[in-house]
Amino acid sequence: MSTNTSDNLRKVTTRRLIEMKLRGEKISMLTAYDYTSARILDEAGIDCILVGDSASNVMAGNVTTLPITLDQMIYHGKSVVKGVNRALVIVDMPFGSYQGNWKEALASAIRIMKESHAEAVKIEGGSEVRESIERILSAGIPVMGHLGLTPQSINKFGTYNVRAKSEEEAEKLIADARMLEEIGCFGIVIEKVPASLAARVARELTIPIIGIGAGGGCDGQVLVMHDMLGLNRGFSPRFLRRYADLHGVITEAVGHYIEDVKHGDFPSEAEQY
């Protein structure tokens, strides 16, 4: 539970994340996709809220993140921003909105910022999307990178297994991370890579490295809210720690409601007008 010191109440910005890294303060990040959840996370004291393209999975029921559209990401982003006062809100740029065409990438990022009122965007990939990232940065839009396992490339990888286990892939990840820092990204998510590699990147770069399945040597951690709250029972990777069993809590509550309705116990006299 976070304490309400003046520093904790101060608005989180991209600059503040770098300050947190400099003083060794770990950065907390969770996903959210709607107003109510975002408001709860913000009031609890989360540092960053990622409006992840994981909405494709946990909100829309898709198998991968690929089907979600730019319009849908803007909708989720706008809903989240309305519930947030303190946290930094970052919106994922969805598959097809930035790859291979910097003009489309810039237009997509501008739409996200103008229509959702979010404060930054996140883009998967390294040198392959350098030009798109540079053009977005040149427009004054903060960009967070994403390396390692990049779910939008699942059809290329063919698996969700740990990435960068080979020396060649590890060296490319390090080179990509340095490049993202050099061109101006304010931070990088590193997903599902060996802990020693992620720790090395965090040590060598001055911008924050946020890990998911990348060990404790990162400058912060991110999880999908539905996973860490136990809403999604079908997903149990090694890196996931469940902090609640809301699936069980909700199932029990709904069961009691059904029973009360069936037996005429709800509503009671006190619950009527």
C-alpha atoms as a PDB file:
ATOM      1  CA  MET A   1       0.000   0.000   0.000  1.00  0.00           C
ATOM      2  CA  SER A   2       1.534   3.319  -1.045  1.00  0.00           C
ATOM      3  CA  THR A   3       1.647   6.249   1.374  1.00  0.00           C
ATOM      4  CA  ASN A   4       0.235   9.616   0.369  1.00  0.00           C
ATOM      5  CA  THR A   5       3.402  11.707   0.623  1.00  0.00           C
ATOM      6  CA  SER A   6       3.619  14.839  -1.500  1.00  0.00           C
ATOM      7  CA  ASP A   7       6.014  13.039  -3.850  1.00  0.00           C
ATOM      8  CA  ASN A   8       3.661  10.087  -4.268  1.00  0.00           C
ATOM      9  CA  LEU A   9       0.804  12.442  -5.084  1.00  0.00           C
ATOM     10  CA  ARG A  10       2.854  14.279  -7.730  1.00  0.00           C
ATOM     11  CA  LYS A  11       1.863  13.626 -11.349  1.00  0.00           C
ATOM     12  CA  VAL A  12       3.980  10.945 -12.999  1.00  0.00           C
ATOM     13  CA  THR A  13       5.673  12.102 -16.209  1.00  0.00           C
ATOM     14  CA  THR A  14       8.235  10.569 -18.554  1.00  0.00           C
ATOM     15  CA  ARG A  15      10.881  12.733 -16.880  1.00  0.00           C
ATOM     16  CA  ARG A  16       9.844  11.521 -13.449  1.00  0.00           C
ATOM     17  CA  LEU A  17      10.339   7.896 -14.509  1.00  0.00           C
ATOM     18  CA  ILE A  18      13.965   8.690 -15.356  1.00  0.00           C
ATOM     19  CA  GLU A  19      14.339  10.415 -11.970  1.00  0.00           C
ATOM     20  CA  MET A  20      12.968   7.279 -10.298  1.00  0.00           C
ATOM     21  CA  LYS A  21      15.558   5.125 -12.063  1.00  0.00           C
ATOM     22  CA  LEU A  22      18.375   7.497 -11.043  1.00  0.00           C
ATOM     23  CA  ARG A  23      17.467   7.213  -7.362  1.00  0.00           C
ATOM     24  CA  GLY A  24      16.862   3.461  -7.535  1.00  0.00           C
ATOM     25  CA  GLU A  25      13.098   3.586  -7.028  1.00  0.00           C
ATOM     26  CA  LYS A  26      11.327   0.743  -8.803  1.00  0.00           C
ATOM     27  CA  ILE A  27       8.529   1.648 -11.233  1.00  0.00           C
ATOM     28  CA  SER A  28       5.125  -0.061 -10.986  1.00  0.00           C
ATOM     29  CA  MET A  29       3.004  -0.541 -14.118  1.00  0.00           C
ATOM     30  CA  LEU A  30      -0.222  -2.411 -14.834  1.00  0.00           C
ATOM     31  CA  THR A  31      -2.568  -2.587 -17.792  1.00  0.00           C
ATOM     32  CA  ALA A  32      -6.082  -1.145 -17.782  1.00  0.00           C
ATOM     33  CA  TYR A  33      -8.683  -0.796 -20.502  1.00  0.00           C
ATOM     34  CA  ASP A  34     -11.654   0.980 -18.903  1.00  0.00           C
ATOM     35  CA  TYR A  35     -12.534   3.943 -16.683  1.00  0.00           C
ATOM     36  CA  THR A  36     -13.452   2.027 -13.529  1.00  0.00           C
ATOM     37  CA  SER A  37     -10.327  -0.159 -13.459  1.00  0.00           C
ATOM     38  CA  ALA A  38      -8.061   2.787 -14.280  1.00  0.00           C
ATOM     39  CA  ARG A  39      -9.541   4.843 -11.462  1.00  0.00           C
ATOM     40  CA  ILE A  40      -8.926   2.028  -8.965  1.00  0.00           C
ATOM     41  CA  LEU A  41      -5.308   1.542 -10.116  1.00  0.00           C
ATOM     42  CA  ASP A  42      -4.638   5.280 -10.014  1.00  0.00           C
ATOM     43  CA  GLU A  43      -6.097   5.706  -6.534  1.00  0.00           C
ATOM     44  CA  ALA A  44      -4.014   2.729  -5.348  1.00  0.00           C
ATOM     45  CA  GLY A  45      -0.866   4.596  -6.408  1.00  0.00           C
ATOM     46  CA  ILE A  46       0.288   2.812  -9.576  1.00  0.00           C
ATOM     47  CA  ASP A  47       3.010   4.755 -11.401  1.00  0.00           C
ATOM     48  CA  CYS A  48       2.094   3.888 -15.004  1.00  0.00           C
ATOM     49  CA  ILE A  49      -0.984   2.508 -16.712  1.00  0.00           C
ATOM     50  CA  LEU A  50      -0.474   0.749 -20.019  1.00  0.00           C
ATOM     51  CA  VAL A  51      -3.512   0.613 -22.272  1.00  0.00           C
ATOM     52  CA  GLY A  52      -2.183  -2.575 -23.785  1.00  0.00           C
ATOM     53  CA  ASP A  53      -3.126  -4.209 -27.040  1.00  0.00           C
ATOM     54  CA  SER A  54      -3.664  -7.179 -24.700  1.00  0.00           C
ATOM     55  CA  ALA A  55      -7.201  -5.731 -24.694  1.00  0.00           C
ATOM     56  CA  SER A  56      -7.522  -7.853 -27.819  1.00  0.00           C
ATOM     57  CA  ASN A  57      -7.200 -10.939 -25.610  1.00  0.00           C
ATOM     58  CA  VAL A  58      -8.755 -10.080 -22.255  1.00  0.00           C
ATOM     59  CA  MET A  59     -11.484  -7.686 -23.417  1.00  0.00           C
ATOM     60  CA  ALA A  60     -12.366  -8.952 -26.909  1.00  0.00           C
ATOM     61  CA  GLY A  61     -11.552 -12.661 -26.580  1.00  0.00           C
ATOM     62  CA  ASN A  62      -9.110 -12.860 -29.478  1.00  0.00           C
ATOM     63  CA  VAL A  63      -6.324 -15.458 -29.476  1.00  0.00           C
ATOM     64  CA  THR A  64      -3.626 -12.886 -30.351  1.00  0.00           C
ATOM     65  CA  THR A  65      -3.166  -9.114 -30.118  1.00  0.00           C
ATOM     66  CA  LEU A  66      -3.227  -8.721 -33.906  1.00  0.00           C
ATOM     67  CA  PRO A  67      -6.970  -8.138 -34.545  1.00  0.00           C
ATOM     68  CA  ILE A  68      -7.411  -5.043 -32.347  1.00  0.00           C
ATOM     69  CA  THR A  69      -7.763  -1.829 -34.352  1.00  0.00           C
ATOM     70  CA  LEU A  70      -6.506   1.717 -33.913  1.00  0.00           C
ATOM     71  CA  ASP A  71     -10.069   2.929 -33.293  1.00  0.00           C
ATOM     72  CA  GLN A  72     -10.503   0.331 -30.550  1.00  0.00           C
ATOM     73  CA  MET A  73      -7.211   1.289 -28.879  1.00  0.00           C
ATOM     74  CA  ILE A  74      -8.234   4.945 -28.928  1.00  0.00           C
ATOM     75  CA  TYR A  75     -11.588   4.027 -27.350  1.00  0.00           C
ATOM     76  CA  HIS A  76      -9.876   2.102 -24.529  1.00  0.00           C
ATOM     77  CA  GLY A  77      -7.271   4.855 -24.095  1.00  0.00           C
ATOM     78  CA  LYS A  78      -9.893   7.579 -23.824  1.00  0.00           C
ATOM     79  CA  SER A  79     -11.812   5.551 -21.228  1.00  0.00           C
ATOM     80  CA  VAL A  80      -8.676   5.011 -19.120  1.00  0.00           C
ATOM     81  CA  VAL A  81      -7.510   8.632 -19.229  1.00  0.00           C
ATOM     82  CA  LYS A  82     -10.843   9.791 -17.786  1.00  0.00           C
ATOM     83  CA  GLY A  83     -10.191   7.733 -14.643  1.00  0.00           C
ATOM     84  CA  VAL A  84      -6.613   8.862 -14.012  1.00  0.00           C
ATOM     85  CA  ASN A  85      -5.171  11.827 -12.122  1.00  0.00           C
ATOM     86  CA  ARG A  86      -1.628  10.767 -11.205  1.00  0.00           C
ATOM     87  CA  ALA A  87      -0.373   7.820 -13.276  1.00  0.00           C
ATOM     88  CA  LEU A  88       1.355   8.164 -16.634  1.00  0.00           C
ATOM     89  CA  VAL A  89      -0.960   6.706 -19.304  1.00  0.00           C
ATOM     90  CA  ILE A  90       0.710   4.949 -22.263  1.00  0.00           C
ATOM     91  CA  VAL A  91      -1.249   3.515 -25.191  1.00  0.00           C
ATOM     92  CA  ASP A  92      -0.026   0.614 -27.331  1.00  0.00           C
ATOM     93  CA  MET A  93       0.100   1.286 -31.048  1.00  0.00           C
ATOM     94  CA  PRO A  94      -1.680  -1.751 -32.532  1.00  0.00           C
ATOM     95  CA  PHE A  95      -0.451  -4.063 -35.254  1.00  0.00           C
ATOM     96  CA  GLY A  96      -0.613  -2.450 -38.689  1.00  0.00           C
ATOM     97  CA  SER A  97      -0.625   1.137 -37.429  1.00  0.00           C
ATOM     98  CA  TYR A  98       3.116   1.808 -37.732  1.00  0.00           C
ATOM     99  CA  GLN A  99       5.033  -1.023 -39.444  1.00  0.00           C
ATOM    100  CA  GLY A 100       6.660  -0.204 -42.785  1.00  0.00           C
ATOM    101  CA  ASN A 101       5.185   3.245 -43.331  1.00  0.00           C
ATOM    102  CA  TRP A 102       6.361   6.183 -41.213  1.00  0.00           C
ATOM    103  CA  LYS A 103       3.624   8.477 -42.528  1.00  0.00           C
ATOM    104  CA  GLU A 104       0.928   6.080 -41.347  1.00  0.00           C
ATOM    105  CA  ALA A 105       2.820   5.593 -38.078  1.00  0.00           C
ATOM    106  CA  LEU A 106       2.939   9.323 -37.423  1.00  0.00           C
ATOM    107  CA  ALA A 107      -0.727   9.771 -38.312  1.00  0.00           C
ATOM    108  CA  SER A 108      -1.674   6.873 -36.004  1.00  0.00           C
ATOM    109  CA  ALA A 109       0.327   8.262 -33.083  1.00  0.00           C
ATOM    110  CA  ILE A 110      -1.151  11.737 -33.554  1.00  0.00           C
ATOM    111  CA  ARG A 111      -4.666  10.273 -33.538  1.00  0.00           C
ATOM    112  CA  ILE A 112      -3.951   8.402 -30.300  1.00  0.00           C
ATOM    113  CA  MET A 113      -2.650  11.537 -28.581  1.00  0.00           C
ATOM    114  CA  LYS A 114      -5.361  13.890 -29.864  1.00  0.00           C
ATOM    115  CA  GLU A 115      -8.344  11.597 -29.389  1.00  0.00           C
ATOM    116  CA  SER A 116      -7.453   9.646 -26.240  1.00  0.00           C
ATOM    117  CA  HIS A 117      -5.525  12.420 -24.423  1.00  0.00           C
ATOM    118  CA  ALA A 118      -2.937   9.814 -23.368  1.00  0.00           C
ATOM    119  CA  GLU A 119       0.614  10.956 -22.606  1.00  0.00           C
ATOM    120  CA  ALA A 120       2.716   8.486 -24.603  1.00  0.00           C
ATOM    121  CA  VAL A 121       2.610   5.580 -27.033  1.00  0.00           C
ATOM    122  CA  LYS A 122       4.373   2.205 -26.993  1.00  0.00           C
ATOM    123  CA  ILE A 123       5.780   0.534 -30.107  1.00  0.00           C
ATOM    124  CA  GLU A 124       7.107  -3.001 -30.545  1.00  0.00           C
ATOM    125  CA  GLY A 125      10.383  -3.581 -32.351  1.00  0.00           C
ATOM    126  CA  GLY A 126      13.904  -2.229 -32.819  1.00  0.00           C
ATOM    127  CA  SER A 127      15.854  -1.233 -35.905  1.00  0.00           C
ATOM    128  CA  GLU A 128      13.023  -2.449 -38.159  1.00  0.00           C
ATOM    129  CA  VAL A 129      10.764   0.393 -36.997  1.00  0.00           C
ATOM    130  CA  ARG A 130      13.420   3.034 -36.328  1.00  0.00           C
ATOM    131  CA  GLU A 131      12.166   5.510 -38.922  1.00  0.00           C
ATOM    132  CA  SER A 132       8.586   5.334 -37.659  1.00  0.00           C
ATOM    133  CA  ILE A 133       9.731   5.947 -34.071  1.00  0.00           C
ATOM    134  CA  GLU A 134      11.970   8.848 -35.102  1.00  0.00           C
ATOM    135  CA  ARG A 135       9.144  10.543 -36.994  1.00  0.00           C
ATOM    136  CA  ILE A 136       6.779  10.151 -34.038  1.00  0.00           C
ATOM    137  CA  LEU A 137       9.395  11.524 -31.648  1.00  0.00           C
ATOM    138  CA  SER A 138      10.017  14.462 -33.994  1.00  0.00           C
ATOM    139  CA  ALA A 139       6.357  15.418 -33.520  1.00  0.00           C
ATOM    140  CA  GLY A 140       6.913  15.706 -29.770  1.00  0.00           C
ATOM    141  CA  ILE A 141       5.156  12.461 -28.903  1.00  0.00           C
ATOM    142  CA  PRO A 142       6.871  10.406 -26.153  1.00  0.00           C
ATOM    143  CA  VAL A 143       7.595   6.818 -27.192  1.00  0.00           C
ATOM    144  CA  MET A 144       8.234   3.735 -25.071  1.00  0.00           C
ATOM    145  CA  GLY A 145       9.938   0.862 -26.876  1.00  0.00           C
ATOM    146  CA  HIS A 146       9.214  -2.863 -26.527  1.00  0.00           C
ATOM    147  CA  LEU A 147      11.828  -5.577 -27.127  1.00  0.00           C
ATOM    148  CA  GLY A 148      12.254  -9.295 -26.498  1.00  0.00           C
ATOM    149  CA  LEU A 149       9.034 -11.216 -26.998  1.00  0.00           C
ATOM    150  CA  THR A 150       6.937  -8.905 -29.155  1.00  0.00           C
ATOM    151  CA  PRO A 151       3.430 -10.432 -29.329  1.00  0.00           C
ATOM    152  CA  GLN A 152       2.509  -8.592 -32.542  1.00  0.00           C
ATOM    153  CA  SER A 153       5.204 -10.717 -34.245  1.00  0.00           C
ATOM    154  CA  ILE A 154       3.857 -14.035 -32.928  1.00  0.00           C
ATOM    155  CA  ASN A 155       3.303 -15.400 -36.434  1.00  0.00           C
ATOM    156  CA  LYS A 156       6.957 -14.710 -37.231  1.00  0.00           C
ATOM    157  CA  PHE A 157       8.261 -16.316 -34.020  1.00  0.00           C
ATOM    158  CA  GLY A 158       5.666 -19.104 -33.997  1.00  0.00           C
ATOM    159  CA  THR A 159       5.914 -19.401 -30.211  1.00  0.00           C
ATOM    160  CA  TYR A 160       5.591 -17.419 -26.978  1.00  0.00           C
ATOM    161  CA  ASN A 161       8.774 -19.005 -25.584  1.00  0.00           C
ATOM    162  CA  VAL A 162      11.596 -17.007 -24.006  1.00  0.00           C
ATOM    163  CA  ARG A 163      13.423 -14.803 -26.520  1.00  0.00           C
ATOM    164  CA  ALA A 164      17.096 -13.769 -26.859  1.00  0.00           C
ATOM    165  CA  LYS A 165      18.554 -16.989 -25.448  1.00  0.00           C
ATOM    166  CA  SER A 166      21.074 -17.188 -28.294  1.00  0.00           C
ATOM    167  CA  GLU A 167      24.088 -14.866 -28.299  1.00  0.00           C
ATOM    168  CA  GLU A 168      23.137 -13.417 -31.686  1.00  0.00           C
ATOM    169  CA  GLU A 169      19.599 -12.523 -30.637  1.00  0.00           C
ATOM    170  CA  ALA A 170      20.836 -11.161 -27.302  1.00  0.00           C
ATOM    171  CA  GLU A 171      23.341  -8.883 -29.030  1.00  0.00           C
ATOM    172  CA  LYS A 172      20.631  -7.602 -31.359  1.00  0.00           C
ATOM    173  CA  LEU A 173      18.388  -6.843 -28.398  1.00  0.00           C
ATOM    174  CA  ILE A 174      21.187  -4.891 -26.702  1.00  0.00           C
ATOM    175  CA  ALA A 175      21.920  -2.981 -29.926  1.00  0.00           C
ATOM    176  CA  ASP A 176      18.213  -2.218 -30.403  1.00  0.00           C
ATOM    177  CA  ALA A 177      17.883  -1.032 -26.808  1.00  0.00           C
ATOM    178  CA  ARG A 178      20.836   1.333 -27.215  1.00  0.00           C
ATOM    179  CA  MET A 179      19.377   2.611 -30.475  1.00  0.00           C
ATOM    180  CA  LEU A 180      15.982   3.277 -28.873  1.00  0.00           C
ATOM    181  CA  GLU A 181      17.683   5.266 -26.123  1.00  0.00           C
ATOM    182  CA  GLU A 182      19.834   7.220 -28.605  1.00  0.00           C
ATOM    183  CA  ILE A 183      16.913   8.319 -30.779  1.00  0.00           C
ATOM    184  CA  GLY A 184      14.941   9.521 -27.760  1.00  0.00           C
ATOM    185  CA  CYS A 185      12.629   6.843 -26.305  1.00  0.00           C
ATOM    186  CA  PHE A 186      11.891   7.518 -22.620  1.00  0.00           C
ATOM    187  CA  GLY A 187      11.785   3.845 -21.618  1.00  0.00           C
ATOM    188  CA  ILE A 188      11.617   0.268 -22.891  1.00  0.00           C
ATOM    189  CA  VAL A 189       9.489  -2.740 -21.988  1.00  0.00           C
ATOM    190  CA  ILE A 190      11.499  -5.954 -22.210  1.00  0.00           C
ATOM    191  CA  GLU A 191       9.376  -9.093 -22.319  1.00  0.00           C
ATOM    192  CA  LYS A 192      10.255 -12.712 -21.571  1.00  0.00           C
ATOM    193  CA  VAL A 193      14.030 -12.745 -21.905  1.00  0.00           C
ATOM    194  CA  PRO A 194      16.723 -14.190 -19.599  1.00  0.00           C
ATOM    195  CA  ALA A 195      16.968 -12.181 -16.368  1.00  0.00           C
ATOM    196  CA  SER A 196      20.719 -11.646 -16.771  1.00  0.00           C
ATOM    197  CA  LEU A 197      20.234 -10.044 -20.189  1.00  0.00           C
ATOM    198  CA  ALA A 198      17.481  -7.688 -19.007  1.00  0.00           C
ATOM    199  CA  ALA A 199      19.580  -6.713 -15.979  1.00  0.00           C
ATOM    200  CA  ARG A 200      22.511  -5.914 -18.256  1.00  0.00           C
ATOM    201  CA  VAL A 201      20.344  -3.668 -20.428  1.00  0.00           C
ATOM    202  CA  ALA A 202      19.006  -1.896 -17.326  1.00  0.00           C
ATOM    203  CA  ARG A 203      22.551  -1.286 -16.077  1.00  0.00           C
ATOM    204  CA  GLU A 204      23.898  -0.015 -19.388  1.00  0.00           C
ATOM    205  CA  LEU A 205      21.038   2.321 -20.315  1.00  0.00           C
ATOM    206  CA  THR A 206      20.038   5.544 -18.596  1.00  0.00           C
ATOM    207  CA  ILE A 207      16.321   5.201 -19.480  1.00  0.00           C
ATOM    208  CA  PRO A 208      14.027   2.919 -17.429  1.00  0.00           C
ATOM    209  CA  ILE A 209      13.696  -0.741 -18.404  1.00  0.00           C
ATOM    210  CA  ILE A 210      10.315  -2.234 -17.466  1.00  0.00           C
ATOM    211  CA  GLY A 211      10.263  -6.014 -17.339  1.00  0.00           C
ATOM    212  CA  ILE A 212       7.582  -8.628 -17.858  1.00  0.00           C
ATOM    213  CA  GLY A 213       9.020 -12.091 -17.406  1.00  0.00           C
ATOM    214  CA  ALA A 214      12.476 -10.496 -17.493  1.00  0.00           C
ATOM    215  CA  GLY A 215      13.633 -10.821 -13.891  1.00  0.00           C
ATOM    216  CA  GLY A 216      14.183  -8.508 -10.947  1.00  0.00           C
ATOM    217  CA  GLY A 217      17.099  -6.577 -12.396  1.00  0.00           C
ATOM    218  CA  CYS A 218      14.806  -4.282 -14.385  1.00  0.00           C
ATOM    219  CA  ASP A 219      13.911  -0.774 -13.235  1.00  0.00           C
ATOM    220  CA  GLY A 220      10.241  -1.690 -12.942  1.00  0.00           C
ATOM    221  CA  GLN A 221       7.652  -4.341 -13.676  1.00  0.00           C
ATOM    222  CA  VAL A 222       4.440  -4.585 -15.694  1.00  0.00           C
ATOM    223  CA  LEU A 223       1.694  -7.218 -15.630  1.00  0.00           C
ATOM    224  CA  VAL A 224      -1.697  -7.543 -17.263  1.00  0.00           C
ATOM    225  CA  MET A 225      -4.201  -6.537 -14.595  1.00  0.00           C
ATOM    226  CA  HIS A 226      -6.599  -9.388 -15.405  1.00  0.00           C
ATOM    227  CA  ASP A 227      -3.784 -11.904 -14.918  1.00  0.00           C
ATOM    228  CA  MET A 228      -2.419 -10.598 -11.612  1.00  0.00           C
ATOM    229  CA  LEU A 229      -5.922 -10.277 -10.134  1.00  0.00           C
ATOM    230  CA  GLY A 230      -6.757 -13.881 -11.018  1.00  0.00           C
ATOM    231  CA  LEU A 231      -9.563 -13.022 -13.432  1.00  0.00           C
ATOM    232  CA  ASN A 232      -7.933 -15.102 -16.147  1.00  0.00           C
ATOM    233  CA  ARG A 233      -7.411 -18.639 -14.869  1.00  0.00           C
ATOM    234  CA  GLY A 234      -6.254 -20.068 -18.192  1.00  0.00           C
ATOM    235  CA  PHE A 235      -2.930 -18.191 -18.236  1.00  0.00           C
ATOM    236  CA  SER A 236      -0.207 -19.366 -15.836  1.00  0.00           C
ATOM    237  CA  PRO A 237       3.327 -18.515 -17.037  1.00  0.00           C
ATOM    238  CA  ARG A 238       6.219 -18.747 -14.593  1.00  0.00           C
ATOM    239  CA  PHE A 239       6.567 -14.956 -14.338  1.00  0.00           C
ATOM    240  CA  LEU A 240       2.965 -14.347 -13.236  1.00  0.00           C
ATOM    241  CA  ARG A 241       2.211 -13.812  -9.559  1.00  0.00           C
ATOM    242  CA  ARG A 242      -1.501 -13.757  -8.715  1.00  0.00           C
ATOM    243  CA  TYR A 243      -2.299 -11.198  -6.027  1.00  0.00           C
ATOM    244  CA  ALA A 244      -5.987 -12.141  -5.789  1.00  0.00           C
ATOM    245  CA  ASP A 245      -8.494 -14.733  -6.977  1.00  0.00           C
ATOM    246  CA  LEU A 246     -11.172 -12.434  -8.343  1.00  0.00           C
ATOM    247  CA  HIS A 247     -12.442 -15.211 -10.594  1.00  0.00           C
ATOM    248  CA  GLY A 248     -13.405 -17.125  -7.463  1.00  0.00           C
ATOM    249  CA  VAL A 249     -14.742 -14.046  -5.645  1.00  0.00           C
ATOM    250  CA  ILE A 250     -16.929 -13.003  -8.581  1.00  0.00           C
ATOM    251  CA  THR A 251     -18.154 -16.545  -9.236  1.00  0.00           C
ATOM    252  CA  GLU A 252     -19.196 -16.895  -5.583  1.00  0.00           C
ATOM    253  CA  ALA A 253     -20.918 -13.476  -5.540  1.00  0.00           C
ATOM    254  CA  VAL A 254     -22.834 -14.196  -8.740  1.00  0.00           C
ATOM    255  CA  GLY A 255     -23.859 -17.581  -7.351  1.00  0.00           C
ATOM    256  CA  HIS A 256     -25.281 -15.929  -4.214  1.00  0.00           C
ATOM    257  CA  TYR A 257     -27.122 -13.376  -6.356  1.00  0.00           C
ATOM    258  CA  ILE A 258     -28.668 -16.087  -8.534  1.00  0.00           C
ATOM    259  CA  GLU A 259     -29.754 -18.024  -5.437  1.00  0.00           C
ATOM    260  CA  ASP A 260     -31.319 -14.925  -3.822  1.00  0.00           C
ATOM    261  CA  VAL A 261     -33.216 -14.019  -7.002  1.00  0.00           C
ATOM    262  CA  LYS A 262     -34.477 -17.578  -7.509  1.00  0.00           C
ATOM    263  CA  HIS A 263     -35.729 -17.803  -3.892  1.00  0.00           C
ATOM    264  CA  GLY A 264     -37.261 -14.328  -3.868  1.00  0.00           C
ATOM    265  CA  ASP A 265     -34.814 -13.086  -1.211  1.00  0.00           C
ATOM    266  CA  PHE A 266     -33.665 -10.209  -3.413  1.00  0.00           C
ATOM    267  CA  PRO A 267     -34.813  -7.505  -3.271  1.00  0.00           C
ATOM    268  CA  SER A 268     -35.828  -7.381   0.392  1.00  0.00           C
ATOM    269  CA  GLU A 269     -38.327  -4.890   1.813  1.00  0.00           C
ATOM    270  CA  ALA A 270     -35.453  -2.559   2.722  1.00  0.00           C
ATOM    271  CA  GLU A 271     -34.244  -2.649  -0.888  1.00  0.00           C
ATOM    272  CA  GLN A 272     -37.543  -1.495  -2.363  1.00  0.00           C
ATOM    273  CA  TYR A 273     -39.120   1.952  -2.823  1.00  0.00           C
END
